[in-house]
Each structure stands twice: as structure tokens, then as C-alpha cells.
Amino acid sequence: MAVSVTVKRKPHHDLKAIQTRFDSVHDLEITTTALRSARSLGFSLEEVVEVVRALEHGDFVKSETAHHPRNPRCWHDTYVTSFDGLDLYLKFAGETLTDIVLTSFKEQ
């Protein structure tokens, strides 16, 4: 059975609000998987914050609802950016700005 996912080409979450929310290492909400991926690429938590702070609106790729498990209220905003010579893929997920988490941080 195919899982229906809603996709849109406009960010669900406001980028400036995300950057404000992820302003320091102490404020960083990151999954274990994203943390492992960042560390395997040689990034410290401070550098992860730098990458998030450097994101621009033009780095946005897509926004889609969660599909595993399916949750039409949880939106994933995907960004691709270059940082220190690497093309990075970042995904933020959450139903609201206050519960947003960095779920992916990997090389594209």
C-alpha cells in the first residue's frame, strides 16, 4: 500500500525562526542520526549551528509531510547548501516551531 505524502515547494517553517531557534549549541535540537552523520563528516556541534545559521531561502528544496510513520501534521523542510566545500542535505521536522528538530545532516 502506497503512503500518501503531501509535498509543497514553499517552506512550512519560517527559516529565520528556525535560525533563531537554533542560535547556539545549547538550543540545538538534533536527532541521534543527524548528530552521527554530522560527526562522521567532521562537524562539531558549533559547526552544525554555523551551517544552520548560514542557510538561505534559495537553499530550500521542498517541504513534505512525514511518511514514516505517516503524520500529516508533521512537516519536513529540506535544504541543500554548500559549506566548507561539501554539499550538505539538512532536514528539519516538526508540527510547530517550538518542537522543530534537525533530523538529517549529511552529505548530498
Protein backbone atom coordinates (compact mmCIF):
# COMPACT_ATOMS: atom_id res chain seq x y z
CA MET A 1 0.00 0.00 0.00
CA ALA A 2 1.47 3.35 -1.05
CA VAL A 3 1.82 6.07 1.55
CA SER A 4 0.36 9.41 0.54
CA VAL A 5 2.69 12.32 1.26
CA THR A 6 1.83 15.97 0.73
CA VAL A 7 4.68 17.90 -0.92
CA LYS A 8 4.92 21.64 -1.42
CA ARG A 9 7.58 23.92 -2.88
CA LYS A 10 7.29 26.52 -0.12
CA PRO A 11 8.82 26.07 3.36
CA HIS A 12 6.37 25.10 6.06
CA HIS A 13 8.58 26.56 8.80
CA ASP A 14 9.98 30.08 8.69
CA LEU A 15 13.75 29.88 8.07
CA LYS A 16 14.59 32.95 10.17
CA ALA A 17 12.61 31.50 13.07
CA ILE A 18 14.48 28.18 12.70
CA GLN A 19 17.80 30.02 12.72
CA THR A 20 16.76 31.95 15.82
CA ARG A 21 15.63 28.71 17.46
CA PHE A 22 18.98 27.03 16.62
CA ASP A 23 21.06 30.02 17.70
CA SER A 24 23.54 28.10 19.87
CA VAL A 25 24.71 24.59 20.70
CA HIS A 26 22.55 24.70 23.85
CA ASP A 27 19.45 25.36 21.73
CA LEU A 28 20.26 22.74 19.09
CA GLU A 29 17.55 20.08 18.78
CA ILE A 30 19.12 17.27 16.76
CA THR A 31 18.36 13.58 16.35
CA THR A 32 20.98 10.96 17.13
CA THR A 33 21.10 10.00 13.44
CA ALA A 34 21.74 13.59 12.33
CA LEU A 35 24.36 14.01 15.06
CA ARG A 36 26.19 10.84 13.99
CA SER A 37 26.11 11.93 10.35
CA ALA A 38 27.45 15.39 11.20
CA ARG A 39 30.26 13.93 13.31
CA SER A 40 31.16 11.41 10.59
CA LEU A 41 31.62 14.39 8.25
CA GLY A 42 33.90 16.02 10.84
CA PHE A 43 31.42 18.65 12.05
CA SER A 44 31.29 19.78 15.67
CA LEU A 45 28.02 20.95 17.20
CA GLU A 46 29.26 24.53 16.85
CA GLU A 47 29.77 23.96 13.13
CA VAL A 48 26.29 22.43 12.77
CA VAL A 49 24.90 25.64 14.27
CA GLU A 50 27.06 27.65 11.81
CA VAL A 51 25.62 25.68 8.88
CA VAL A 52 22.04 26.25 10.07
CA ARG A 53 22.74 29.97 10.61
CA ALA A 54 24.21 30.22 7.07
CA LEU A 55 21.17 28.72 5.32
CA GLU A 56 19.47 30.98 2.80
CA HIS A 57 15.98 30.88 1.30
CA GLY A 58 17.48 29.74 -2.02
CA ASP A 59 18.81 26.57 -0.31
CA PHE A 60 15.24 25.33 0.24
CA VAL A 61 14.29 22.23 -1.79
CA LYS A 62 10.88 21.01 -0.61
CA SER A 63 8.51 20.55 2.29
CA GLU A 64 6.61 17.32 2.84
CA THR A 65 4.54 15.63 5.48
CA ALA A 66 6.06 12.82 7.50
CA HIS A 67 5.62 9.44 5.88
CA HIS A 68 7.30 7.02 8.29
CA PRO A 69 5.30 6.96 10.45
CA ARG A 70 2.67 8.87 8.50
CA ASN A 71 1.73 12.14 10.18
CA PRO A 72 0.00 14.83 8.11
CA ARG A 73 0.63 17.41 10.87
CA CYS A 74 4.42 16.94 10.93
CA TRP A 75 6.22 18.80 8.14
CA HIS A 76 9.78 18.16 6.97
CA ASP A 77 11.58 21.10 5.33
CA THR A 78 14.60 20.10 3.24
CA TYR A 79 17.56 22.33 2.43
CA VAL A 80 20.71 21.71 0.38
CA THR A 81 23.66 24.02 0.90
CA SER A 82 27.41 24.19 0.35
CA PHE A 83 29.64 24.62 3.38
CA ASP A 84 33.42 24.22 3.53
CA GLY A 85 33.44 22.52 0.14
CA LEU A 86 30.72 19.98 0.95
CA ASP A 87 27.18 19.85 -0.42
CA LEU A 88 25.05 19.25 2.65
CA TYR A 89 21.48 17.97 2.98
CA LEU A 90 19.57 19.18 6.04
CA LYS A 91 16.05 18.32 7.05
CA PHE A 92 14.04 19.96 9.82
CA ALA A 93 10.87 18.31 11.12
CA GLY A 94 8.11 19.39 13.41
CA GLU A 95 4.46 20.21 13.84
CA THR A 96 5.23 23.65 15.28
CA LEU A 97 8.29 25.86 15.52
CA THR A 98 8.73 25.04 19.19
CA ASP A 99 9.10 21.32 18.53
CA ILE A 100 11.25 21.50 15.38
CA VAL A 101 14.21 19.12 15.23
CA LEU A 102 17.14 18.75 12.85
CA THR A 103 16.58 15.19 11.62
CA SER A 104 19.13 14.99 8.77
CA PHE A 105 22.60 16.43 8.36
CA LYS A 106 24.52 14.59 5.69
CA GLU A 107 26.50 14.97 2.53
CA GLN A 108 24.33 15.03 -0.55
